[in-house]
Protein backbone atom coordinates (compact mmCIF):
# COMPACT_ATOMS: atom_id res chain seq x y z
CA MET A 1 51.12 -35.62 70.86
CA GLY A 2 52.65 -33.05 68.59
CA GLN A 3 52.31 -32.92 64.81
CA LYS A 4 55.79 -34.39 64.18
CA ARG A 5 55.08 -37.39 66.41
CA ARG A 6 51.59 -37.90 64.96
CA GLU A 7 53.16 -37.97 61.49
CA LEU A 8 55.69 -40.58 62.64
CA VAL A 9 52.89 -42.73 64.09
CA ARG A 10 50.98 -42.41 60.81
CA ARG A 11 54.08 -43.27 58.77
CA VAL A 12 55.36 -46.28 60.77
CA GLY A 13 52.04 -47.51 62.18
CA TYR A 14 52.91 -47.35 65.89
CA ASP A 15 54.14 -44.90 68.53
CA ALA A 16 57.88 -45.30 68.03
CA LYS A 17 58.77 -43.03 70.97
CA ASN A 18 56.78 -45.21 73.38
CA ALA A 19 58.27 -48.33 71.79
CA ALA A 20 61.80 -47.05 72.44
CA HIS A 21 60.87 -46.31 76.06
CA LEU A 22 59.40 -49.80 76.42
CA ILE A 23 62.57 -51.49 75.20
CA ARG A 24 64.82 -49.20 77.30
CA LEU A 25 62.80 -49.74 80.49
CA LEU A 26 62.73 -53.51 80.03
CA ARG A 27 66.48 -53.59 79.48
CA MET A 28 67.10 -51.33 82.49
CA GLY A 29 64.85 -53.50 84.64
CA ILE A 30 66.74 -56.64 83.68
CA GLU A 31 70.05 -54.91 84.38
CA PHE A 32 68.84 -53.77 87.78
CA LEU A 33 67.53 -57.21 88.71
CA THR A 34 70.69 -58.99 87.59
CA GLU A 35 73.41 -56.44 88.44
CA GLY A 36 71.78 -54.19 91.02
CA ALA A 37 72.72 -51.10 88.99
CA LEU A 38 70.89 -48.64 86.75
CA TYR A 39 72.80 -47.43 83.70
CA VAL A 40 71.39 -44.05 82.67
CA GLU A 41 74.00 -43.45 79.98
CA ARG A 42 73.03 -46.21 77.61
CA ALA A 43 75.48 -48.28 75.56
CA ASP A 44 72.47 -49.18 73.41
CA ALA A 45 71.52 -45.52 72.81
CA PRO A 46 72.02 -45.69 69.01
CA GLU A 47 69.71 -48.69 68.77
CA LEU A 48 67.10 -47.01 70.99
CA LEU A 49 67.27 -43.91 68.79
CA ASP A 50 66.68 -46.09 65.73
CA ILE A 51 63.55 -47.46 67.38
CA LYS A 52 62.43 -43.94 68.36
CA ARG A 53 62.87 -42.78 64.75
CA GLY A 54 60.70 -45.66 63.53
CA ALA A 55 63.52 -47.62 61.87
CA TRP A 56 62.33 -50.87 63.45
CA PRO A 57 59.21 -52.50 62.04
CA LEU A 58 56.49 -53.13 64.62
CA ASP A 59 57.00 -56.91 64.41
CA LYS A 60 60.65 -56.49 65.44
CA VAL A 61 59.66 -54.24 68.37
CA LYS A 62 57.07 -56.79 69.51
CA ALA A 63 59.51 -59.69 69.23
CA GLU A 64 62.17 -57.82 71.22
CA ALA A 65 59.62 -56.80 73.86
CA GLU A 66 58.41 -60.41 74.23
CA ARG A 67 62.00 -61.63 74.55
CA LEU A 68 62.79 -58.98 77.15
CA PHE A 69 59.59 -59.66 79.13
CA ALA A 70 60.60 -63.33 79.35
CA LEU A 71 64.13 -62.38 80.42
CA SER A 72 62.77 -59.94 83.01
CA GLN A 73 60.56 -62.61 84.56
CA GLU A 74 63.55 -64.94 84.73
CA ALA A 75 65.73 -62.17 86.21
CA TYR A 76 63.06 -61.39 88.81
CA VAL A 77 62.91 -65.00 89.99
CA ARG A 78 66.72 -65.25 90.19
CA SER A 79 67.33 -61.77 91.62
CA SER A 80 69.23 -61.47 94.88
CA LEU A 81 67.60 -58.10 95.59
CA PRO A 82 65.41 -57.96 98.70
CA SER A 83 61.68 -58.33 98.13
CA GLU A 84 61.02 -54.96 99.78
CA PRO A 85 63.05 -51.75 99.99
CA ASP A 86 64.81 -50.71 103.18
CA GLN A 87 62.56 -47.75 103.92
CA ASP A 88 64.62 -46.58 106.90
CA ALA A 89 67.78 -46.45 104.78
CA ALA A 90 65.93 -44.60 102.02
CA GLU A 91 64.61 -42.06 104.51
CA ARG A 92 68.10 -41.55 105.98
CA LEU A 93 69.50 -41.02 102.47
CA CYS A 94 66.81 -38.45 101.65
CA ILE A 95 67.47 -36.56 104.89
CA GLU A 96 71.21 -36.64 104.22
CA MET A 97 70.79 -35.32 100.67
CA ILE A 98 68.46 -32.52 101.76
CA SER A 99 70.79 -31.55 104.60
CA GLU A 100 73.77 -31.44 102.22
CA TRP A 101 71.79 -29.31 99.79
CA PHE A 102 70.95 -26.78 102.52
CA GLN A 103 74.58 -26.72 103.67
CA LEU A 104 75.74 -26.12 100.09
CA LYS A 105 73.10 -23.44 99.58
CA ASP A 106 74.17 -21.69 102.79
CA SER A 107 77.86 -21.82 101.87
CA ILE A 108 77.18 -20.31 98.44
CA ALA A 109 75.02 -17.53 99.91
CA THR A 110 77.74 -16.41 102.33
C-alpha cells in the first residue's frame, strides 16, 4: 500500500479502494447471475469513484454490501445459468482466439 492510500485509510478509517472493488464485484455478480452479461464499462462508475475516494462513510459501505450480498444470494438461487461451465466450449473458444491471434500476427508480419 502506497503512502497516498495509507493516508486515505487513516483519514476515512477503512480501505476505500477495496470497498469500491467489493461493491463493484457484488453488483457485477448480480448482473451476471440475472442477465448473463458482464458490464465492464460501469454506469455506476461515478458512485464507485466516490466510494474509492472515501466519500462514503464505512456504515454506508457496510449497509450496501449487506444489501448486495442478500441480493446476490437471491440471484444465485433464481439464476438460469448452468451449475457448471461448458469446459469443452471454453476450450474451443480459447483455441479459436489463439489461432486468430497467430493468423493476425502472421498477416501483419508479411
